[in-house]
């Protein structure tokens, strides 16, 4: 009996130890990964998107194509060199010294030739320049694709942050409405409030619930846009984090947009891409003009053959005796080509004008874009400062209204007017604060700060 009792204690202890081990194991599998889940900053999201975005990858392919075209255009200045050899066995009738005879013989020939353009209206030189500027345009297009993707991810990132914070605000307001509903039920039951007030409180609770649902839906849409920009699975789950600037309302920006534009336009990949495209189009016009000039080409060749006869079947002798050499020049003068040269020149000139117009248009749009972003930054700073002051006043007003409502001193309409005003101002502080962050990053980017590369 004693031994059984001791065994029973040992079994219970082992079972308790096993249960603790299972609990610890479950904690490791579930709790720790949740607490240790990687948090994605804005920079992390942008870097991941750049590495996995198809548009960026395609721009890299286009850059590679432009690079190869540029290299080949330089190789085209080199001469064409080729060698050939042929061999055959002939049998049957053939003419030898005017007589038809039947014979079998082996035939073998060798040749080496080279040709080179000496002058073609500088078409090849302009082709090199054309491909050079096309390559530069592709380089800047690739950089611009990265920049555009970075700002697309940034906007989507802050949309998610905004709706997550807005959902917290609307959820808090809904919880306040639940508390107020319970208070109102008590006040109605004690006769301090009318039943109509209870109906009004309940209606506002349903309105807050609807606002929460709307915010959740907008948050999900923002998540979809961010996942798409990052090229991650639509059902993937990541946690975002952002560093909050405590002095965001004190950001001072003092600048002239024209000065900022001059500074940015010196290295702007977007402007450089269109500028290089315009210069390339002028080189293409020169290529078409070259079709009006004569072209001069030189060529040289060396050949020999082996043709055994009854008189001489020595291979080395015939190879030496049958040598032939050639060196020549050819001049090609265009006279009439069905008006193709003139038409091609006119089309190339129109394309150059179109490229120039696009270049000037991009510069103008960029200038107004920078002016808009700078104006938005200043406006959002002013709104943020004022919204914070208004939030302090609206919060005090709501707290006072809540006490008065509990004491039956104001009606439910006045109470919810104070509550909704506080909610609206809270959302305004959030929106203007995030706008300041976004616009500040854009202005810093214009100054050369590619913040995601830190």
Protein backbone atom coordinates (compact mmCIF):
# COMPACT_ATOMS: atom_id res chain seq x y z
CA UNK A 1 0.00 0.00 0.00
CA UNK A 2 2.84 2.29 0.80
CA UNK A 3 4.62 1.51 -2.43
CA UNK A 4 1.42 2.08 -4.38
CA UNK A 5 0.91 5.43 -2.75
CA UNK A 6 4.44 6.46 -3.56
CA UNK A 7 4.00 5.33 -7.19
CA UNK A 8 0.80 7.25 -7.42
CA UNK A 9 2.55 10.42 -6.30
CA UNK A 10 5.28 9.80 -8.86
CA UNK A 11 2.69 9.35 -11.62
CA UNK A 12 0.90 12.56 -10.64
CA UNK A 13 4.19 14.45 -10.54
CA UNK A 14 5.20 13.16 -13.97
CA UNK A 15 1.79 14.04 -15.38
CA UNK A 16 2.04 17.54 -13.94
CA UNK A 17 5.54 17.95 -15.34
CA UNK A 18 4.38 16.75 -18.78
CA UNK A 19 1.49 19.19 -18.69
CA UNK A 20 3.85 22.06 -17.87
CA UNK A 21 6.10 21.02 -20.74
CA UNK A 22 3.14 21.00 -23.12
CA UNK A 23 2.09 24.45 -21.92
CA UNK A 24 5.64 25.77 -22.41
CA UNK A 25 5.79 24.19 -25.89
CA UNK A 26 2.51 25.78 -26.90
CA UNK A 27 3.71 29.10 -25.52
CA UNK A 28 6.87 28.86 -27.65
CA UNK A 29 4.89 27.99 -30.79
CA UNK A 30 2.14 30.56 -30.39
CA UNK A 31 2.95 33.36 -28.00
CA UNK A 32 6.61 34.00 -28.77
CA UNK A 33 6.18 34.19 -32.59
CA UNK A 34 3.36 36.65 -32.11
CA UNK A 35 5.39 38.84 -29.81
CA UNK A 36 8.51 38.45 -31.94
CA UNK A 37 6.83 39.00 -35.29
CA UNK A 38 8.95 41.15 -37.53
CA UNK A 39 7.79 44.74 -37.76
CA UNK A 40 8.06 46.44 -41.13
CA UNK A 41 9.15 50.04 -41.26
CA UNK A 42 8.49 52.23 -44.28
CA UNK A 43 12.08 51.74 -45.45
CA UNK A 44 11.77 47.95 -45.15
CA UNK A 45 8.57 47.94 -47.21
CA UNK A 46 10.13 50.09 -49.94
CA UNK A 47 13.31 48.01 -50.15
CA UNK A 48 11.32 44.78 -50.38
CA UNK A 49 9.08 46.27 -53.08
CA UNK A 50 12.08 47.42 -55.14
CA UNK A 51 13.55 43.92 -55.05
CA UNK A 52 10.30 42.22 -56.08
CA UNK A 53 8.38 44.70 -58.25
CA UNK A 54 7.83 43.65 -61.88
CA UNK A 55 7.89 47.21 -63.26
CA UNK A 56 11.33 47.78 -61.75
CA UNK A 57 12.55 44.44 -63.09
CA UNK A 58 11.22 45.32 -66.56
CA UNK A 59 12.97 48.70 -66.49
CA UNK A 60 16.20 46.85 -65.69
CA UNK A 61 15.63 44.61 -68.72
CA UNK A 62 15.01 47.69 -70.90
CA UNK A 63 18.25 49.17 -69.58
CA UNK A 64 20.12 45.99 -70.53
CA UNK A 65 18.67 46.15 -74.06
CA UNK A 66 19.73 49.79 -74.43
CA UNK A 67 23.23 48.92 -73.21
CA UNK A 68 23.61 46.16 -75.81
CA UNK A 69 22.36 48.42 -78.61
CA UNK A 70 24.90 51.07 -77.62
CA UNK A 71 27.77 48.57 -77.59
CA UNK A 72 26.76 47.10 -80.95
CA UNK A 73 26.60 50.54 -82.60
CA UNK A 74 30.26 51.06 -81.65
CA UNK A 75 31.21 47.65 -83.00
CA UNK A 76 29.56 48.58 -86.29
CA UNK A 77 32.51 50.90 -87.02
CA UNK A 78 34.76 47.88 -87.37
CA UNK A 79 35.23 46.19 -90.78
CA UNK A 80 33.39 43.05 -91.80
CA UNK A 81 35.80 40.14 -92.20
CA UNK A 82 34.85 36.69 -93.42
CA UNK A 83 36.42 33.53 -94.74
CA UNK A 84 34.94 30.67 -96.75
CA UNK A 85 35.98 27.38 -98.24
CA UNK A 86 34.26 24.91 -100.52
CA UNK A 87 34.95 21.42 -101.77
CA UNK A 88 33.22 19.17 -104.27
CA UNK A 89 33.57 16.09 -106.42
CA UNK A 90 32.39 16.25 -110.01
CA UNK A 91 31.78 13.37 -112.35
CA UNK A 92 30.17 13.12 -115.77
CA UNK A 93 30.66 15.05 -118.96
CA UNK A 94 32.41 18.39 -119.03
CA UNK A 95 34.11 20.69 -121.55
CA UNK A 96 37.90 20.66 -121.47
CA UNK A 97 39.77 22.76 -124.05
CA UNK A 98 36.72 22.83 -126.31
CA UNK A 99 36.14 19.12 -126.23
CA UNK A 100 33.38 17.25 -124.47
CA UNK A 101 34.96 14.60 -122.28
CA UNK A 102 33.89 12.34 -119.45
CA UNK A 103 36.00 12.80 -116.33
CA UNK A 104 35.92 12.72 -112.55
CA UNK A 105 37.68 15.39 -110.51
CA UNK A 106 37.90 16.96 -107.05
CA UNK A 107 37.46 20.72 -106.66
CA UNK A 108 38.49 22.86 -103.65
CA UNK A 109 38.50 26.69 -103.14
CA UNK A 110 39.39 29.15 -100.36
CA UNK A 111 38.61 32.84 -99.95
CA UNK A 112 39.09 35.64 -97.43
CA UNK A 113 37.30 38.98 -97.71
CA UNK A 114 36.88 42.24 -95.81
CA UNK A 115 34.78 45.36 -96.31
CA UNK A 116 34.43 48.63 -94.47
CA UNK A 117 32.40 51.84 -94.66
CA UNK A 118 34.64 54.84 -95.20
CA UNK A 119 31.91 57.46 -95.30
CA UNK A 120 28.12 57.33 -95.04
CA UNK A 121 27.15 60.85 -94.02
CA UNK A 122 28.29 60.20 -90.40
CA UNK A 123 25.28 57.94 -90.00
CA UNK A 124 27.13 55.39 -87.88
CA UNK A 125 28.64 58.07 -85.61
CA UNK A 126 25.18 59.55 -85.05
CA UNK A 127 23.83 56.05 -84.44
CA UNK A 128 26.38 55.66 -81.63
CA UNK A 129 25.32 58.98 -80.11
CA UNK A 130 21.66 58.05 -80.52
CA UNK A 131 22.08 54.75 -78.66
CA UNK A 132 24.25 56.45 -76.04
CA UNK A 133 21.49 58.89 -75.09
CA UNK A 134 18.88 56.15 -75.32
CA UNK A 135 20.95 54.23 -72.77
CA UNK A 136 21.15 57.28 -70.52
CA UNK A 137 17.40 57.71 -70.83
CA UNK A 138 16.91 54.05 -69.87
CA UNK A 139 19.19 54.49 -66.85
CA UNK A 140 17.18 57.45 -65.60
CA UNK A 141 13.91 55.70 -66.41
CA UNK A 142 15.04 52.81 -64.24
CA UNK A 143 15.88 55.18 -61.36
CA UNK A 144 12.58 57.00 -61.86
CA UNK A 145 10.70 53.68 -61.75
CA UNK A 146 12.31 52.98 -58.37
CA UNK A 147 11.39 56.47 -57.13
CA UNK A 148 7.78 56.14 -58.31
CA UNK A 149 7.49 52.76 -56.63
CA UNK A 150 8.96 54.17 -53.41
CA UNK A 151 6.31 56.90 -53.26
CA UNK A 152 3.55 54.46 -54.21
CA UNK A 153 4.57 52.24 -51.30
CA UNK A 154 4.90 55.27 -49.01
CA UNK A 155 1.38 56.49 -49.82
CA UNK A 156 -0.05 52.99 -49.34
CA UNK A 157 1.94 52.57 -46.12
CA UNK A 158 0.55 55.80 -44.64
CA UNK A 159 -2.95 54.92 -45.81
CA UNK A 160 -2.74 51.75 -43.73
CA UNK A 161 -1.34 53.67 -40.75
CA UNK A 162 -4.08 56.28 -41.09
CA UNK A 163 -6.95 53.80 -41.20
CA UNK A 164 -5.47 51.68 -38.41
CA UNK A 165 -5.30 54.73 -36.16
CA UNK A 166 -8.69 55.94 -37.36
CA UNK A 167 -10.16 52.53 -36.52
CA UNK A 168 -8.80 52.87 -32.99
CA UNK A 169 -10.47 56.30 -32.72
CA UNK A 170 -13.83 55.07 -34.03
CA UNK A 171 -13.64 51.98 -31.83
CA UNK A 172 -12.99 54.14 -28.77
CA UNK A 173 -15.97 56.32 -29.70
CA UNK A 174 -18.14 53.25 -30.09
CA UNK A 175 -17.09 52.03 -26.66
CA UNK A 176 -17.96 55.45 -25.24
CA UNK A 177 -21.38 55.14 -26.87
CA UNK A 178 -21.84 51.74 -25.23
CA UNK A 179 -21.00 53.23 -21.82
CA UNK A 180 -23.34 56.17 -22.46
CA UNK A 181 -26.09 53.76 -23.46
CA UNK A 182 -25.80 51.96 -20.13
CA UNK A 183 -25.77 55.29 -18.24
CA UNK A 184 -28.81 56.47 -20.16
CA UNK A 185 -30.67 53.26 -19.40
CA UNK A 186 -30.08 53.92 -15.71
CA UNK A 187 -31.14 57.55 -16.03
CA UNK A 188 -34.31 56.53 -17.88
CA UNK A 189 -35.10 53.90 -15.29
CA UNK A 190 -34.75 56.50 -12.53
CA UNK A 191 -36.82 59.03 -14.41
CA UNK A 192 -34.00 61.51 -14.99
CA UNK A 193 -34.11 61.01 -18.76
CA UNK A 194 -36.89 60.44 -21.25
CA UNK A 195 -37.20 57.31 -23.37
CA UNK A 196 -36.55 59.47 -26.45
CA UNK A 197 -33.04 60.13 -25.14
CA UNK A 198 -32.42 56.39 -24.91
CA UNK A 199 -33.52 55.97 -28.53
CA UNK A 200 -31.19 58.78 -29.60
CA UNK A 201 -28.24 57.24 -27.73
CA UNK A 202 -28.95 53.86 -29.28
CA UNK A 203 -29.13 55.43 -32.76
CA UNK A 204 -25.75 57.08 -32.23
CA UNK A 205 -24.33 53.74 -31.10
CA UNK A 206 -25.51 52.14 -34.34
CA UNK A 207 -23.98 55.03 -36.25
CA UNK A 208 -20.64 54.49 -34.50
CA UNK A 209 -20.85 50.78 -35.33
CA UNK A 210 -21.45 51.62 -38.99
CA UNK A 211 -18.48 54.02 -38.97
CA UNK A 212 -16.26 51.25 -37.56
CA UNK A 213 -17.35 48.88 -40.31
CA UNK A 214 -16.64 51.51 -42.96
CA UNK A 215 -13.20 52.18 -41.50
CA UNK A 216 -12.42 48.44 -41.38
CA UNK A 217 -13.33 48.13 -45.05
CA UNK A 218 -11.17 51.11 -46.01
CA UNK A 219 -8.32 49.65 -43.96
CA UNK A 220 -8.60 46.35 -45.82
CA UNK A 221 -8.53 48.20 -49.16
CA UNK A 222 -5.41 50.08 -48.03
CA UNK A 223 -3.77 46.79 -47.08
CA UNK A 224 -4.54 45.36 -50.53
CA UNK A 225 -2.92 48.36 -52.22
CA UNK A 226 0.18 48.06 -50.03
CA UNK A 227 0.51 44.29 -50.60
CA UNK A 228 0.14 44.81 -54.34
CA UNK A 229 2.80 47.52 -54.42
CA UNK A 230 5.16 45.28 -52.42
CA UNK A 231 4.25 42.21 -54.51
CA UNK A 232 3.45 40.03 -51.51
CA UNK A 233 0.63 37.54 -51.10
CA UNK A 234 -2.84 39.14 -50.75
CA UNK A 235 -3.48 37.14 -47.58
CA UNK A 236 -0.08 37.73 -45.98
CA UNK A 237 0.01 39.34 -42.56
CA UNK A 238 2.67 41.87 -41.62
CA UNK A 239 2.92 44.43 -38.83
CA UNK A 240 3.81 48.01 -39.69
CA UNK A 241 5.77 50.36 -37.49
CA UNK A 242 6.74 53.97 -37.91
CA UNK A 243 8.95 56.36 -36.00
CA UNK A 244 6.90 59.29 -34.78
CA UNK A 245 8.52 62.70 -34.74
CA UNK A 246 7.50 64.37 -31.44
CA UNK A 247 8.27 67.81 -32.91
CA UNK A 248 6.29 67.25 -36.09
CA UNK A 249 4.27 70.38 -35.50
CA UNK A 250 7.42 72.47 -35.22
CA UNK A 251 8.83 71.63 -38.62
CA UNK A 252 9.82 74.91 -40.22
CA UNK A 253 10.25 75.14 -43.97
CA UNK A 254 11.58 78.35 -45.44
CA UNK A 255 12.42 78.14 -49.10
CA UNK A 256 11.68 79.36 -52.57
CA UNK A 257 10.08 76.74 -54.79
CA UNK A 258 12.05 78.04 -57.77
CA UNK A 259 15.34 77.48 -55.92
CA UNK A 260 14.25 74.00 -54.86
CA UNK A 261 13.29 73.23 -58.45
CA UNK A 262 16.67 74.35 -59.78
CA UNK A 263 18.39 72.16 -57.20
CA UNK A 264 16.27 69.10 -57.95
CA UNK A 265 16.25 69.48 -61.75
CA UNK A 266 20.04 69.07 -61.82
CA UNK A 267 19.72 65.37 -60.93
CA UNK A 268 16.03 64.52 -61.33
CA UNK A 269 15.86 61.13 -63.10
CA UNK A 270 12.46 62.00 -64.50
CA UNK A 271 13.72 65.21 -66.15
CA UNK A 272 16.98 63.58 -67.26
CA UNK A 273 15.09 60.72 -68.89
CA UNK A 274 12.99 63.05 -71.05
CA UNK A 275 15.98 65.31 -71.75
CA UNK A 276 18.08 62.38 -72.98
CA UNK A 277 15.17 61.14 -75.08
CA UNK A 278 14.95 64.57 -76.70
CA UNK A 279 18.70 64.66 -77.44
CA UNK A 280 18.50 61.12 -78.84
CA UNK A 281 15.68 62.20 -81.16
CA UNK A 282 17.92 64.96 -82.55
CA UNK A 283 20.63 62.38 -83.23
CA UNK A 284 18.04 60.22 -84.98
CA UNK A 285 17.22 63.22 -87.21
CA UNK A 286 20.91 63.41 -88.18
CA UNK A 287 20.84 59.70 -89.02
CA UNK A 288 17.98 60.28 -91.45
CA UNK A 289 19.75 63.29 -93.00
CA UNK A 290 22.73 61.05 -93.76
CA UNK A 291 20.57 59.30 -96.35
CA UNK A 292 20.97 62.36 -98.61
CA UNK A 293 24.77 62.02 -98.77
CA UNK A 294 26.85 59.67 -100.96
CA UNK A 295 28.42 56.70 -99.25
CA UNK A 296 31.88 55.31 -99.86
CA UNK A 297 32.83 51.73 -99.10
CA UNK A 298 36.07 49.78 -99.57
CA UNK A 299 36.47 46.06 -99.88
CA UNK A 300 39.32 43.58 -100.36
CA UNK A 301 39.48 39.86 -100.99
CA UNK A 302 41.92 37.02 -101.48
CA UNK A 303 41.07 33.65 -103.03
CA UNK A 304 42.56 30.52 -104.54
CA UNK A 305 41.41 27.12 -105.69
CA UNK A 306 42.56 23.61 -106.51
CA UNK A 307 41.43 21.98 -109.76
CA UNK A 308 43.40 18.83 -110.62
CA UNK A 309 44.08 18.15 -114.27
CA UNK A 310 45.98 15.46 -116.08
CA UNK A 311 48.78 17.94 -116.60
CA UNK A 312 49.09 19.07 -112.98
CA UNK A 313 47.63 17.45 -109.90
CA UNK A 314 50.00 19.02 -107.35
CA UNK A 315 47.88 20.68 -104.60
CA UNK A 316 50.39 23.24 -103.30
CA UNK A 317 51.36 24.30 -106.78
CA UNK A 318 47.78 24.99 -107.83
CA UNK A 319 46.97 26.83 -104.58
CA UNK A 320 49.87 29.18 -105.25
CA UNK A 321 49.30 29.43 -108.99
CA UNK A 322 45.56 30.08 -108.79
CA UNK A 323 45.67 32.98 -106.31
CA UNK A 324 43.47 35.99 -106.99
CA UNK A 325 43.47 39.29 -105.09
CA UNK A 326 41.05 42.19 -105.13
CA UNK A 327 40.98 45.70 -103.68
CA UNK A 328 38.31 48.19 -104.59
CA UNK A 329 36.18 51.18 -103.70
CA UNK A 330 32.47 51.61 -104.29
CA UNK A 331 30.63 54.93 -104.31
CA UNK A 332 26.86 55.03 -103.89
CA UNK A 333 25.09 58.29 -104.79
CA UNK A 334 21.39 58.56 -103.85
CA UNK A 335 19.38 60.08 -106.69
CA UNK A 336 15.79 59.04 -106.21
CA UNK A 337 14.36 56.71 -103.57
CA UNK A 338 10.65 57.33 -103.93
CA UNK A 339 10.87 60.39 -101.65
CA UNK A 340 11.69 58.10 -98.68
CA UNK A 341 14.66 60.17 -97.48
CA UNK A 342 12.69 63.42 -97.39
CA UNK A 343 9.73 61.76 -95.66
CA UNK A 344 11.98 60.10 -93.06
CA UNK A 345 13.69 63.43 -92.33
CA UNK A 346 10.34 65.19 -91.85
CA UNK A 347 9.06 62.42 -89.57
CA UNK A 348 12.28 62.48 -87.52
CA UNK A 349 12.02 66.26 -87.17
CA UNK A 350 8.43 65.94 -85.93
CA UNK A 351 9.49 63.26 -83.46
CA UNK A 352 12.23 65.57 -82.16
CA UNK A 353 9.71 68.37 -81.69
CA UNK A 354 7.38 65.99 -79.89
CA UNK A 355 10.20 64.85 -77.58
CA UNK A 356 11.07 68.47 -76.83
CA UNK A 357 7.44 69.32 -76.03
CA UNK A 358 7.22 66.36 -73.64
CA UNK A 359 10.47 67.45 -72.01
CA UNK A 360 9.18 70.98 -71.46
CA UNK A 361 5.83 69.66 -70.25
CA UNK A 362 7.47 67.39 -67.69
CA UNK A 363 9.53 70.30 -66.36
CA UNK A 364 6.40 72.44 -66.02
CA UNK A 365 4.40 69.66 -64.33
CA UNK A 366 7.27 69.00 -61.94
CA UNK A 367 7.47 72.67 -61.00
CA UNK A 368 3.75 72.80 -60.16
CA UNK A 369 3.97 69.44 -58.39
CA UNK A 370 6.74 70.78 -56.15
CA UNK A 371 4.77 73.98 -55.50
CA UNK A 372 1.71 71.92 -54.56
CA UNK A 373 3.66 69.67 -52.19
CA UNK A 374 5.33 72.65 -50.55
CA UNK A 375 1.98 74.39 -50.16
CA UNK A 376 0.45 71.21 -48.74
CA UNK A 377 3.29 70.93 -46.23
CA UNK A 378 2.79 74.46 -44.94
CA UNK A 379 -1.00 74.05 -44.86
CA UNK A 380 -0.85 70.71 -43.04
CA UNK A 381 1.56 72.17 -40.48
CA UNK A 382 -0.83 75.02 -39.72
CA UNK A 383 -3.79 72.61 -39.61
CA UNK A 384 -1.93 70.24 -37.31
CA UNK A 385 -1.04 72.97 -34.82
CA UNK A 386 -4.55 74.38 -34.80
CA UNK A 387 -6.18 70.94 -34.69
CA UNK A 388 -4.18 70.05 -31.57
CA UNK A 389 -5.38 73.22 -29.86
CA UNK A 390 -8.93 72.55 -30.96
CA UNK A 391 -8.71 68.95 -29.72
CA UNK A 392 -7.73 70.15 -26.25
CA UNK A 393 -10.71 72.51 -26.23
CA UNK A 394 -13.12 69.89 -27.66
CA UNK A 395 -11.94 67.30 -25.13
CA UNK A 396 -12.63 69.66 -22.23
CA UNK A 397 -15.98 70.57 -23.77
CA UNK A 398 -16.91 66.88 -24.10
CA UNK A 399 -15.91 66.13 -20.51
CA UNK A 400 -18.05 69.03 -19.32
CA UNK A 401 -20.95 67.93 -21.53
CA UNK A 402 -20.65 64.37 -20.19
CA UNK A 403 -21.01 65.60 -16.60
CA UNK A 404 -23.92 67.86 -17.49
CA UNK A 405 -25.64 65.05 -19.36
CA UNK A 406 -25.25 62.70 -16.39
CA UNK A 407 -26.83 65.37 -14.19
CA UNK A 408 -29.65 65.97 -16.65
CA UNK A 409 -28.55 69.53 -17.37
CA UNK A 410 -28.33 69.13 -21.18
CA UNK A 411 -30.18 67.01 -23.68
CA UNK A 412 -28.74 64.11 -25.66
CA UNK A 413 -28.42 66.16 -28.85
CA UNK A 414 -26.09 68.68 -27.21
CA UNK A 415 -24.12 65.86 -25.62
CA UNK A 416 -23.52 64.04 -28.93
CA UNK A 417 -22.71 67.30 -30.65
CA UNK A 418 -19.78 67.71 -28.25
CA UNK A 419 -18.80 64.05 -28.61
CA UNK A 420 -18.87 64.03 -32.42
CA UNK A 421 -16.94 67.30 -32.56
CA UNK A 422 -14.20 65.76 -30.44
CA UNK A 423 -14.12 62.67 -32.67
CA UNK A 424 -13.85 64.77 -35.83
CA UNK A 425 -11.04 66.86 -34.38
CA UNK A 426 -9.16 63.76 -33.23
CA UNK A 427 -9.32 62.39 -36.78
CA UNK A 428 -8.21 65.78 -38.11
CA UNK A 429 -5.13 65.77 -35.85
CA UNK A 430 -4.28 62.29 -37.14
CA UNK A 431 -4.78 63.21 -40.80
CA UNK A 432 -2.85 66.50 -40.70
CA UNK A 433 -0.01 64.95 -38.68
CA UNK A 434 0.46 62.12 -41.18
CA UNK A 435 0.24 64.60 -44.05
CA UNK A 436 3.08 66.60 -42.51
CA UNK A 437 5.19 63.41 -42.33
CA UNK A 438 4.52 62.49 -45.96
CA UNK A 439 5.05 65.97 -47.38
CA UNK A 440 8.20 66.44 -45.32
CA UNK A 441 9.67 63.25 -46.84
CA UNK A 442 8.76 64.46 -50.33
CA UNK A 443 10.47 67.83 -49.81
CA UNK A 444 13.53 66.07 -48.38
CA UNK A 445 13.57 63.85 -51.46
CA UNK A 446 13.65 66.92 -53.70
CA UNK A 447 16.73 67.96 -51.77
CA UNK A 448 18.45 64.68 -52.61
CA UNK A 449 17.51 62.59 -49.57
CA UNK A 450 16.44 59.14 -50.82
CA UNK A 451 15.28 58.20 -47.33
CA UNK A 452 14.71 54.49 -48.09
CA UNK A 453 18.41 53.98 -48.93
CA UNK A 454 19.65 54.75 -45.41
